């Protein structure tokens, strides 16, 4: 297919529009890359702080559990000391032979 001079005249007037569109497209791509870069930076920063907060929360839970165990032991010790003063024994009394259960026989 041959190119006629009239085709060249109409195409020349559109070259400016094509150039503007291509320039806008390339600027939009660069702008999108900058926005995505900022978002990824913020996400990585937030991920680090979230991880730190999770670690802090986990250690707080462990400390709370340890405090509860200590308090339970204190209460048990107090009950035993009160029961010992009153003459009531809280320990289970052994019945039968005291020597039973002390030795374990292992057969080969």
PDB file of N, CA and C in Angstrom:
ATOM      1  N   UNK A   1       0.840  -1.166   0.000  1.00  0.00           N
ATOM      2  CA  UNK A   1       0.000   0.000   0.000  1.00  0.00           C
ATOM      3  C   UNK A   1       0.893   1.240   0.000  1.00  0.00           C
ATOM      4  N   UNK A   2       0.652   2.105  -0.871  1.00  0.00           N
ATOM      5  CA  UNK A   2       1.476   3.289  -1.051  1.00  0.00           C
ATOM      6  C   UNK A   2       1.003   4.418  -0.149  1.00  0.00           C
ATOM      7  N   UNK A   3       1.948   5.286   0.250  1.00  0.00           N
ATOM      8  CA  UNK A   3       1.624   6.444   1.086  1.00  0.00           C
ATOM      9  C   UNK A   3       1.421   7.649   0.173  1.00  0.00           C
ATOM     10  N   UNK A   4       0.314   8.310   0.372  1.00  0.00           N
ATOM     11  CA  UNK A   4      -0.012   9.487  -0.435  1.00  0.00           C
ATOM     12  C   UNK A   4       0.365  10.751   0.347  1.00  0.00           C
ATOM     13  N   UNK A   5       0.608  11.838  -0.305  1.00  0.00           N
ATOM     14  CA  UNK A   5       0.977  13.072   0.403  1.00  0.00           C
ATOM     15  C   UNK A   5      -0.098  13.563   1.371  1.00  0.00           C
ATOM     16  N   UNK A   6      -1.341  13.293   1.089  1.00  0.00           N
ATOM     17  CA  UNK A   6      -2.404  13.721   1.992  1.00  0.00           C
ATOM     18  C   UNK A   6      -2.343  12.975   3.322  1.00  0.00           C
ATOM     19  N   UNK A   7      -1.914  11.725   3.286  1.00  0.00           N
ATOM     20  CA  UNK A   7      -1.762  10.949   4.516  1.00  0.00           C
ATOM     21  C   UNK A   7      -0.673  11.542   5.395  1.00  0.00           C
ATOM     22  N   UNK A   8       0.399  11.998   4.792  1.00  0.00           N
ATOM     23  CA  UNK A   8       1.491  12.589   5.558  1.00  0.00           C
ATOM     24  C   UNK A   8       1.054  13.898   6.221  1.00  0.00           C
ATOM     25  N   UNK A   9       0.251  14.683   5.529  1.00  0.00           N
ATOM     26  CA  UNK A   9      -0.210  15.947   6.091  1.00  0.00           C
ATOM     27  C   UNK A   9      -1.111  15.707   7.311  1.00  0.00           C
ATOM     28  N   UNK A  10      -1.985  14.731   7.223  1.00  0.00           N
ATOM     29  CA  UNK A  10      -2.877  14.465   8.358  1.00  0.00           C
ATOM     30  C   UNK A  10      -2.111  13.834   9.526  1.00  0.00           C
ATOM     31  N   UNK A  11      -1.110  13.031   9.227  1.00  0.00           N
ATOM     32  CA  UNK A  11      -0.333  12.391  10.285  1.00  0.00           C
ATOM     33  C   UNK A  11       0.578  13.379  11.008  1.00  0.00           C
ATOM     34  N   UNK A  12       1.084  14.377  10.308  1.00  0.00           N
ATOM     35  CA  UNK A  12       1.961  15.367  10.926  1.00  0.00           C
ATOM     36  C   UNK A  12       1.206  16.153  11.983  1.00  0.00           C
ATOM     37  N   UNK A  13      -0.026  16.478  11.729  1.00  0.00           N
ATOM     38  CA  UNK A  13      -0.798  17.236  12.716  1.00  0.00           C
ATOM     39  C   UNK A  13      -1.100  16.398  13.959  1.00  0.00           C
ATOM     40  N   UNK A  14      -1.104  15.098  13.830  1.00  0.00           N
ATOM     41  CA  UNK A  14      -1.394  14.230  14.970  1.00  0.00           C
ATOM     42  C   UNK A  14      -0.141  13.819  15.746  1.00  0.00           C
ATOM     43  N   UNK A  15       1.021  14.096  15.198  1.00  0.00           N
ATOM     44  CA  UNK A  15       2.265  13.721  15.869  1.00  0.00           C
ATOM     45  C   UNK A  15       2.381  14.412  17.221  1.00  0.00           C
ATOM     46  N   UNK A  16       1.949  15.656  17.310  1.00  0.00           N
ATOM     47  CA  UNK A  16       2.022  16.390  18.575  1.00  0.00           C
ATOM     48  C   UNK A  16       1.157  15.709  19.628  1.00  0.00           C
ATOM     49  N   UNK A  17      -0.038  15.315  19.249  1.00  0.00           N
ATOM     50  CA  UNK A  17      -0.936  14.626  20.196  1.00  0.00           C
ATOM     51  C   UNK A  17      -0.352  13.277  20.644  1.00  0.00           C
ATOM     52  N   UNK A  18       0.228  12.563  19.719  1.00  0.00           N
ATOM     53  CA  UNK A  18       0.830  11.266  20.042  1.00  0.00           C
ATOM     54  C   UNK A  18       1.987  11.465  21.018  1.00  0.00           C
ATOM     55  N   UNK A  19       2.787  12.484  20.795  1.00  0.00           N
ATOM     56  CA  UNK A  19       3.914  12.778  21.692  1.00  0.00           C
ATOM     57  C   UNK A  19       3.452  13.138  23.093  1.00  0.00           C
ATOM     58  N   UNK A  20       2.388  13.940  23.174  1.00  0.00           N
ATOM     59  CA  UNK A  20       1.841  14.311  24.492  1.00  0.00           C
ATOM     60  C   UNK A  20       1.322  13.079  25.243  1.00  0.00           C
ATOM     61  N   UNK A  21       0.605  12.223  24.509  1.00  0.00           N
ATOM     62  CA  UNK A  21       0.065  11.017  25.147  1.00  0.00           C
ATOM     63  C   UNK A  21       1.178  10.107  25.665  1.00  0.00           C
ATOM     64  N   UNK A  22       2.228   9.953  24.871  1.00  0.00           N
ATOM     65  CA  UNK A  22       3.348   9.098  25.287  1.00  0.00           C
ATOM     66  C   UNK A  22       4.079   9.691  26.491  1.00  0.00           C
ATOM     67  N   UNK A  23       4.243  11.006  26.503  1.00  0.00           N
ATOM     68  CA  UNK A  23       4.897  11.672  27.638  1.00  0.00           C
ATOM     69  C   UNK A  23       4.065  11.501  28.904  1.00  0.00           C
ATOM     70  N   UNK A  24       2.756  11.674  28.799  1.00  0.00           N
ATOM     71  CA  UNK A  24       1.869  11.509  29.955  1.00  0.00           C
ATOM     72  C   UNK A  24       1.907  10.073  30.466  1.00  0.00           C
ATOM     73  N   UNK A  25       1.932   9.129  29.535  1.00  0.00           N
ATOM     74  CA  UNK A  25       1.983   7.720  29.917  1.00  0.00           C
ATOM     75  C   UNK A  25       3.267   7.387  30.683  1.00  0.00           C
ATOM     76  N   UNK A  26       4.391   7.871  30.194  1.00  0.00           N
ATOM     77  CA  UNK A  26       5.668   7.582  30.855  1.00  0.00           C
ATOM     78  C   UNK A  26       5.735   8.251  32.229  1.00  0.00           C
ATOM     79  N   UNK A  27       5.204   9.476  32.353  1.00  0.00           N
ATOM     80  CA  UNK A  27       5.181  10.152  33.656  1.00  0.00           C
ATOM     81  C   UNK A  27       4.267   9.424  34.639  1.00  0.00           C
ATOM     82  N   UNK A  28       3.165   8.894  34.142  1.00  0.00           N
ATOM     83  CA  UNK A  28       2.246   8.159  35.011  1.00  0.00           C
ATOM     84  C   UNK A  28       2.901   6.894  35.559  1.00  0.00           C
ATOM     85  N   UNK A  29       3.673   6.230  34.727  1.00  0.00           N
ATOM     86  CA  UNK A  29       4.357   5.006  35.168  1.00  0.00           C
ATOM     87  C   UNK A  29       5.378   5.329  36.254  1.00  0.00           C
ATOM     88  N   UNK A  30       6.126   6.414  36.055  1.00  0.00           N
ATOM     89  CA  UNK A  30       7.118   6.822  37.050  1.00  0.00           C
ATOM     90  C   UNK A  30       6.419   7.210  38.355  1.00  0.00           C
ATOM     91  N   UNK A  31       5.315   7.924  38.243  1.00  0.00           N
ATOM     92  CA  UNK A  31       4.548   8.314  39.438  1.00  0.00           C
ATOM     93  C   UNK A  31       4.023   7.104  40.195  1.00  0.00           C
ATOM     94  N   UNK A  32       3.532   6.112  39.474  1.00  0.00           N
ATOM     95  CA  UNK A  32       3.049   4.887  40.115  1.00  0.00           C
ATOM     96  C   UNK A  32       4.173   4.168  40.845  1.00  0.00           C
ATOM     97  N   UNK A  33       5.361   4.156  40.242  1.00  0.00           N
ATOM     98  CA  UNK A  33       6.498   3.499  40.886  1.00  0.00           C
ATOM     99  C   UNK A  33       6.864   4.202  42.186  1.00  0.00           C
ATOM    100  N   UNK A  34       6.807   5.538  42.199  1.00  0.00           N
ATOM    101  CA  UNK A  34       7.113   6.276  43.422  1.00  0.00           C
ATOM    102  C   UNK A  34       6.079   5.997  44.509  1.00  0.00           C
ATOM    103  N   UNK A  35       4.815   5.960  44.129  1.00  0.00           N
ATOM    104  CA  UNK A  35       3.756   5.687  45.101  1.00  0.00           C
ATOM    105  C   UNK A  35       3.916   4.279  45.684  1.00  0.00           C
ATOM    106  N   UNK A  36       4.173   3.296  44.825  1.00  0.00           N
ATOM    107  CA  UNK A  36       4.359   1.930  45.305  1.00  0.00           C
ATOM    108  C   UNK A  36       5.585   1.818  46.203  1.00  0.00           C
ATOM    109  N   UNK A  37       6.634   2.556  45.891  1.00  0.00           N
ATOM    110  CA  UNK A  37       7.843   2.548  46.706  1.00  0.00           C
ATOM    111  C   UNK A  37       7.563   3.108  48.102  1.00  0.00           C
ATOM    112  N   UNK A  38       6.804   4.199  48.167  1.00  0.00           N
ATOM    113  CA  UNK A  38       6.443   4.789  49.460  1.00  0.00           C
ATOM    114  C   UNK A  38       5.579   3.825  50.276  1.00  0.00           C
ATOM    115  N   UNK A  39       4.605   3.193  49.630  1.00  0.00           N
ATOM    116  CA  UNK A  39       3.726   2.255  50.328  1.00  0.00           C
ATOM    117  C   UNK A  39       4.499   1.067  50.877  1.00  0.00           C
ATOM    118  N   UNK A  40       5.426   0.544  50.082  1.00  0.00           N
ATOM    119  CA  UNK A  40       6.200  -0.600  50.555  1.00  0.00           C
ATOM    120  C   UNK A  40       7.106  -0.194  51.714  1.00  0.00           C
ATOM    121  N   UNK A  41       7.648   1.006  51.686  1.00  0.00           N
ATOM    122  CA  UNK A  41       8.460   1.507  52.797  1.00  0.00           C
ATOM    123  C   UNK A  41       7.640   1.623  54.077  1.00  0.00           C
ATOM    124  N   UNK A  42       6.419   2.151  53.966  1.00  0.00           N
ATOM    125  CA  UNK A  42       5.548   2.280  55.128  1.00  0.00           C
ATOM    126  C   UNK A  42       5.144   0.911  55.671  1.00  0.00           C
ATOM    127  N   UNK A  43       4.843  -0.020  54.775  1.00  0.00           N
ATOM    128  CA  UNK A  43       4.457  -1.364  55.208  1.00  0.00           C
ATOM    129  C   UNK A  43       5.604  -2.056  55.929  1.00  0.00           C
ATOM    130  N   UNK A  44       6.812  -1.908  55.418  1.00  0.00           N
ATOM    131  CA  UNK A  44       7.952  -2.552  56.081  1.00  0.00           C
ATOM    132  C   UNK A  44       8.204  -1.911  57.438  1.00  0.00           C
ATOM    133  N   UNK A  45       8.039  -0.616  57.555  1.00  0.00           N
ATOM    134  CA  UNK A  45       8.210   0.067  58.834  1.00  0.00           C
ATOM    135  C   UNK A  45       7.137  -0.392  59.819  1.00  0.00           C
ATOM    136  N   UNK A  46       5.906  -0.491  59.357  1.00  0.00           N
ATOM    137  CA  UNK A  46       4.816  -0.941  60.217  1.00  0.00           C
ATOM    138  C   UNK A  46       4.976  -2.399  60.604  1.00  0.00           C
ATOM    139  N   UNK A  47       5.499  -3.210  59.693  1.00  0.00           N
ATOM    140  CA  UNK A  47       5.700  -4.622  59.995  1.00  0.00           C
ATOM    141  C   UNK A  47       6.705  -4.779  61.123  1.00  0.00           C
ATOM    142  N   UNK A  48       7.753  -3.979  61.137  1.00  0.00           N
ATOM    143  CA  UNK A  48       8.748  -4.045  62.204  1.00  0.00           C
ATOM    144  C   UNK A  48       8.144  -3.642  63.544  1.00  0.00           C
ATOM    145  N   UNK A  49       7.344  -2.567  63.567  1.00  0.00           N
ATOM    146  CA  UNK A  49       6.749  -2.138  64.827  1.00  0.00           C
ATOM    147  C   UNK A  49       5.708  -3.142  65.287  1.00  0.00           C
ATOM    148  N   UNK A  50       4.966  -3.732  64.356  1.00  0.00           N
ATOM    149  CA  UNK A  50       3.972  -4.735  64.722  1.00  0.00           C
ATOM    150  C   UNK A  50       4.650  -5.955  65.316  1.00  0.00           C
ATOM    151  N   UNK A  51       5.771  -6.353  64.748  1.00  0.00           N
ATOM    152  CA  UNK A  51       6.519  -7.486  65.262  1.00  0.00           C
ATOM    153  C   UNK A  51       7.030  -7.189  66.666  1.00  0.00           C
ATOM    154  N   UNK A  52       7.523  -5.971  66.888  1.00  0.00           N
ATOM    155  CA  UNK A  52       7.990  -5.591  68.222  1.00  0.00           C
ATOM    156  C   UNK A  52       6.845  -5.614  69.223  1.00  0.00           C
ATOM    157  N   UNK A  53       5.679  -5.107  68.817  1.00  0.00           N
ATOM    158  CA  UNK A  53       4.524  -5.099  69.714  1.00  0.00           C
ATOM    159  C   UNK A  53       4.077  -6.520  70.035  1.00  0.00           C
ATOM    160  N   UNK A  54       4.152  -7.411  69.058  1.00  0.00           N
ATOM    161  CA  UNK A  54       3.782  -8.801  69.288  1.00  0.00           C
ATOM    162  C   UNK A  54       4.724  -9.438  70.292  1.00  0.00           C
ATOM    163  N   UNK A  55       6.010  -9.168  70.169  1.00  0.00           N
ATOM    164  CA  UNK A  55       6.986  -9.709  71.114  1.00  0.00           C
ATOM    165  C   UNK A  55       6.726  -9.180  72.521  1.00  0.00           C
ATOM    166  N   UNK A  56       6.426  -7.883  72.619  1.00  0.00           N
ATOM    167  CA  UNK A  56       6.142  -7.289  73.925  1.00  0.00           C
ATOM    168  C   UNK A  56       4.899  -7.913  74.535  1.00  0.00           C
ATOM    169  N   UNK A  57       3.878  -8.107  73.714  1.00  0.00           N
ATOM    170  CA  UNK A  57       2.638  -8.703  74.205  1.00  0.00           C
ATOM    171  C   UNK A  57       2.857 -10.133  74.675  1.00  0.00           C
ATOM    172  N   UNK A  58       3.658 -10.883  73.929  1.00  0.00           N
ATOM    173  CA  UNK A  58       3.936 -12.273  74.312  1.00  0.00           C
ATOM    174  C   UNK A  58       4.681 -12.347  75.628  1.00  0.00           C
ATOM    175  N   UNK A  59       5.645 -11.459  75.834  1.00  0.00           N
ATOM    176  CA  UNK A  59       6.395 -11.479  77.091  1.00  0.00           C
ATOM    177  C   UNK A  59       5.504 -11.043  78.248  1.00  0.00           C
ATOM    178  N   UNK A  60       4.573 -10.126  77.997  1.00  0.00           N
ATOM    179  CA  UNK A  60       3.660  -9.695  79.053  1.00  0.00           C
ATOM    180  C   UNK A  60       2.752 -10.841  79.477  1.00  0.00           C
ATOM    181  N   UNK A  61       2.298 -11.635  78.523  1.00  0.00           N
ATOM    182  CA  UNK A  61       1.434 -12.776  78.842  1.00  0.00           C
ATOM    183  C   UNK A  61       2.201 -13.795  79.675  1.00  0.00           C
ATOM    184  N   UNK A  62       3.439 -14.047  79.314  1.00  0.00           N
ATOM    185  CA  UNK A  62       4.259 -15.003  80.054  1.00  0.00           C
ATOM    186  C   UNK A  62       4.489 -14.507  81.478  1.00  0.00           C
ATOM    187  N   UNK A  63       4.765 -13.216  81.628  1.00  0.00           N
ATOM    188  CA  UNK A  63       4.983 -12.661  82.956  1.00  0.00           C
ATOM    189  C   UNK A  63       3.719 -12.769  83.798  1.00  0.00           C
ATOM    190  N   UNK A  64       2.555 -12.518  83.195  1.00  0.00           N
ATOM    191  CA  UNK A  64       1.293 -12.647  83.928  1.00  0.00           C
ATOM    192  C   UNK A  64       1.084 -14.083  84.394  1.00  0.00           C
ATOM    193  N   UNK A  65       1.388 -15.042  83.533  1.00  0.00           N
ATOM    194  CA  UNK A  65       1.229 -16.448  83.910  1.00  0.00           C
ATOM    195  C   UNK A  65       2.178 -16.813  85.045  1.00  0.00           C
ATOM    196  N   UNK A  66       3.399 -16.312  84.996  1.00  0.00           N
ATOM    197  CA  UNK A  66       4.358 -16.603  86.058  1.00  0.00           C
ATOM    198  C   UNK A  66       3.898 -16.001  87.379  1.00  0.00           C
ATOM    199  N   UNK A  67       3.345 -14.799  87.342  1.00  0.00           N
ATOM    200  CA  UNK A  67       2.831 -14.174  88.567  1.00  0.00           C
ATOM    201  C   UNK A  67       1.693 -14.993  89.149  1.00  0.00           C
ATOM    202  N   UNK A  68       0.800 -15.498  88.284  1.00  0.00           N
ATOM    203  CA  UNK A  68      -0.315 -16.299  88.762  1.00  0.00           C
ATOM    204  C   UNK A  68       0.172 -17.580  89.421  1.00  0.00           C
ATOM    205  N   UNK A  69       1.176 -18.217  88.826  1.00  0.00           N
ATOM    206  CA  UNK A  69       1.719 -19.443  89.406  1.00  0.00           C
ATOM    207  C   UNK A  69       2.345 -19.165  90.769  1.00  0.00           C
ATOM    208  N   UNK A  70       3.072 -18.057  90.890  1.00  0.00           N
ATOM    209  CA  UNK A  70       3.688 -17.706  92.169  1.00  0.00           C
ATOM    210  C   UNK A  70       2.620 -17.466  93.235  1.00  0.00           C
ATOM    211  N   UNK A  71       1.565 -16.758  92.847  1.00  0.00           N
ATOM    212  CA  UNK A  71       0.484 -16.493  93.792  1.00  0.00           C
ATOM    213  C   UNK A  71      -0.199 -17.781  94.231  1.00  0.00           C
ATOM    214  N   UNK A  72      -0.413 -18.707  93.297  1.00  0.00           N
ATOM    215  CA  UNK A  72      -1.032 -19.984  93.645  1.00  0.00           C
ATOM    216  C   UNK A  72      -0.151 -20.762  94.612  1.00  0.00           C
ATOM    217  N   UNK A  73       1.161 -20.741  94.384  1.00  0.00           N
ATOM    218  CA  UNK A  73       2.074 -21.438  95.288  1.00  0.00           C
ATOM    219  C   UNK A  73       2.039 -20.817  96.675  1.00  0.00           C
ATOM    220  N   UNK A  74       1.962 -19.487  96.741  1.00  0.00           N
ATOM    221  CA  UNK A  74       1.891 -18.812  98.035  1.00  0.00           C
ATOM    222  C   UNK A  74       0.624 -19.222  98.782  1.00  0.00           C
ATOM    223  N   UNK A  75      -0.503 -19.267  98.056  1.00  0.00           N
ATOM    224  CA  UNK A  75      -1.762 -19.645  98.691  1.00  0.00           C
ATOM    225  C   UNK A  75      -1.705 -21.084  99.196  1.00  0.00           C
ATOM    226  N   UNK A  76      -1.128 -21.977  98.410  1.00  0.00           N
ATOM    227  CA  UNK A  76      -1.007 -23.372  98.825  1.00  0.00           C
ATOM    228  C   UNK A  76      -0.124 -23.481 100.065  1.00  0.00           C
ATOM    229  N   UNK A  77       0.970 -22.742 100.085  1.00  0.00           N
ATOM    230  CA  UNK A  77       1.888 -22.783 101.218  1.00  0.00           C
ATOM    231  C   UNK A  77       1.194 -22.254 102.477  1.00  0.00           C
ATOM    232  N   UNK A  78       0.417 -21.177 102.320  1.00  0.00           N
ATOM    233  CA  UNK A  78      -0.318 -20.625 103.456  1.00  0.00           C
ATOM    234  C   UNK A  78      -1.348 -21.616 103.980  1.00  0.00           C
ATOM    235  N   UNK A  79      -2.039 -22.296 103.087  1.00  0.00           N
ATOM    236  CA  UNK A  79      -3.031 -23.286 103.510  1.00  0.00           C
ATOM    237  C   UNK A  79      -2.369 -24.421 104.270  1.00  0.00           C
ATOM    238  N   UNK A  80      -1.210 -24.876 103.766  1.00  0.00           N
ATOM    239  CA  UNK A  80      -0.502 -25.955 104.439  1.00  0.00           C
ATOM    240  C   UNK A  80      -0.018 -25.524 105.818  1.00  0.00           C
ATOM    241  N   UNK A  81       0.463 -24.308 105.914  1.00  0.00           N
ATOM    242  CA  UNK A  81       0.961 -23.844 107.215  1.00  0.00           C
ATOM    243  C   UNK A  81      -0.201 -23.665 108.190  1.00  0.00           C
ATOM    244  N   UNK A  82      -1.342 -23.193 107.719  1.00  0.00           N
ATOM    245  CA  UNK A  82      -2.500 -23.047 108.586  1.00  0.00           C
ATOM    246  C   UNK A  82      -3.035 -24.411 109.009  1.00  0.00           C
ATOM    247  N   UNK A  83      -3.041 -25.361 108.089  1.00  0.00           N
ATOM    248  CA  UNK A  83      -3.529 -26.697 108.407  1.00  0.00           C
ATOM    249  C   UNK A  83      -2.582 -27.380 109.384  1.00  0.00           C
ATOM    250  N   UNK A  84      -1.282 -27.157 109.249  1.00  0.00           N
ATOM    251  CA  UNK A  84      -0.295 -27.751 110.154  1.00  0.00           C
ATOM    252  C   UNK A  84      -0.436 -27.203 111.555  1.00  0.00           C
ATOM    253  N   UNK A  85      -0.770 -25.936 111.696  1.00  0.00           N
ATOM    254  CA  UNK A  85      -0.957 -25.339 113.016  1.00  0.00           C
ATOM    255  C   UNK A  85      -2.218 -25.861 113.682  1.00  0.00           C
ATOM    256  N   UNK A  86      -3.230 -26.135 112.902  1.00  0.00           N
ATOM    257  CA  UNK A  86      -4.492 -26.585 113.453  1.00  0.00           C
ATOM    258  C   UNK A  86      -4.503 -28.066 113.754  1.00  0.00           C
ATOM    259  N   UNK A  87      -3.501 -28.794 113.337  1.00  0.00           N
ATOM    260  CA  UNK A  87      -3.456 -30.223 113.608  1.00  0.00           C
ATOM    261  C   UNK A  87      -4.098 -31.053 112.524  1.00  0.00           C
ATOM    262  N   UNK A  88      -4.590 -30.424 111.487  1.00  0.00           N
ATOM    263  CA  UNK A  88      -5.212 -31.170 110.395  1.00  0.00           C
ATOM    264  C   UNK A  88      -4.157 -31.389 109.318  1.00  0.00           C
ATOM    265  N   UNK A  89      -4.007 -32.604 108.878  1.00  0.00           N
ATOM    266  CA  UNK A  89      -3.005 -32.925 107.874  1.00  0.00           C
ATOM    267  C   UNK A  89      -3.646 -32.879 106.493  1.00  0.00           C
ATOM    268  N   UNK A  90      -3.043 -32.110 105.565  1.00  0.00           N
ATOM    269  CA  UNK A  90      -3.579 -32.023 104.208  1.00  0.00           C
ATOM    270  C   UNK A  90      -2.940 -33.053 103.298  1.00  0.00           C
ATOM    271  N   UNK A  91      -1.808 -33.625 103.724  1.00  0.00           N
ATOM    272  CA  UNK A  91      -1.139 -34.617 102.896  1.00  0.00           C
ATOM    273  C   UNK A  91      -1.879 -35.936 102.993  1.00  0.00           C
ATOM    274  N   UNK A  92      -1.837 -36.680 101.910  1.00  0.00           N
ATOM    275  CA  UNK A  92      -2.475 -37.995 101.913  1.00  0.00           C
ATOM    276  C   UNK A  92      -1.648 -38.948 102.756  1.00  0.00           C
ATOM    277  N   UNK A  93      -2.328 -39.649 103.589  1.00  0.00           N
ATOM    278  CA  UNK A  93      -1.622 -40.600 104.447  1.00  0.00           C
ATOM    279  C   UNK A  93      -1.401 -41.884 103.679  1.00  0.00           C
ATOM    280  N   UNK A  94      -0.217 -42.493 103.895  1.00  0.00           N
ATOM    281  CA  UNK A  94       0.091 -43.750 103.234  1.00  0.00           C
ATOM    282  C   UNK A  94      -0.542 -44.897 104.005  1.00  0.00           C
ATOM    283  N   UNK A  95      -1.059 -45.770 103.253  1.00  0.00           N
ATOM    284  CA  UNK A  95      -1.626 -46.968 103.880  1.00  0.00           C
ATOM    285  C   UNK A  95      -0.777 -48.159 103.471  1.00  0.00           C
ATOM    286  N   UNK A  96      -0.574 -49.030 104.337  1.00  0.00           N
ATOM    287  CA  UNK A  96       0.180 -50.224 104.003  1.00  0.00           C
ATOM    288  C   UNK A  96       1.655 -50.048 104.304  1.00  0.00           C
ATOM    289  N   UNK A  97       2.455 -50.737 103.529  1.00  0.00           N
ATOM    290  CA  UNK A  97       3.891 -50.763 103.756  1.00  0.00           C
ATOM    291  C   UNK A  97       4.553 -49.495 103.205  1.00  0.00           C
ATOM    292  N   UNK A  98       5.388 -48.835 104.021  1.00  0.00           N
ATOM    293  CA  UNK A  98       6.082 -47.620 103.586  1.00  0.00           C
ATOM    294  C   UNK A  98       7.171 -47.914 102.560  1.00  0.00           C
ATOM    295  N   UNK A  99       7.663 -49.128 102.548  1.00  0.00           N
ATOM    296  CA  UNK A  99       8.738 -49.476 101.631  1.00  0.00           C
ATOM    297  C   UNK A  99       8.235 -49.746 100.219  1.00  0.00           C
ATOM    298  N   UNK A 100       6.951 -49.944 100.038  1.00  0.00           N
ATOM    299  CA  UNK A 100       6.418 -50.253  98.709  1.00  0.00           C
ATOM    300  C   UNK A 100       6.561 -49.035  97.791  1.00  0.00           C
ATOM    301  N   UNK A 101       6.990 -49.316  96.581  1.00  0.00           N
ATOM    302  CA  UNK A 101       7.113 -48.263  95.594  1.00  0.00           C
ATOM    303  C   UNK A 101       8.451 -47.592  95.586  1.00  0.00           C
ATOM    304  N   UNK A 102       9.344 -47.923  96.517  1.00  0.00           N
ATOM    305  CA  UNK A 102      10.662 -47.292  96.547  1.00  0.00           C
ATOM    306  C   UNK A 102      11.644 -47.946  95.599  1.00  0.00           C
ATOM    307  N   UNK A 103      11.470 -49.243  95.355  1.00  0.00           N
ATOM    308  CA  UNK A 103      12.380 -49.967  94.479  1.00  0.00           C
ATOM    309  C   UNK A 103      11.675 -50.411  93.227  1.00  0.00           C
ATOM    310  N   UNK A 104      12.367 -50.289  92.093  1.00  0.00           N
ATOM    311  CA  UNK A 104      11.802 -50.728  90.831  1.00  0.00           C
ATOM    312  C   UNK A 104      12.693 -51.838  90.275  1.00  0.00           C
ATOM    313  N   UNK A 105      12.108 -52.999  90.019  1.00  0.00           N
ATOM    314  CA  UNK A 105      12.853 -54.110  89.459  1.00  0.00           C
ATOM    315  C   UNK A 105      12.784 -54.044  87.942  1.00  0.00           C
ATOM    316  N   UNK A 106      13.939 -54.113  87.304  1.00  0.00           N
ATOM    317  CA  UNK A 106      13.987 -54.092  85.853  1.00  0.00           C
ATOM    318  C   UNK A 106      14.501 -55.433  85.391  1.00  0.00           C
ATOM    319  N   UNK A 107      13.694 -56.131  84.606  1.00  0.00           N
ATOM    320  CA  UNK A 107      14.106 -57.422  84.075  1.00  0.00           C
ATOM    321  C   UNK A 107      14.644 -57.248  82.673  1.00  0.00           C
ATOM    322  N   UNK A 108      15.726 -58.011  82.393  1.00  0.00           N
ATOM    323  CA  UNK A 108      16.309 -57.953  81.054  1.00  0.00           C
ATOM    324  C   UNK A 108      15.799 -59.062  80.190  1.00  0.00           C
TER     325      UNK A 108
END
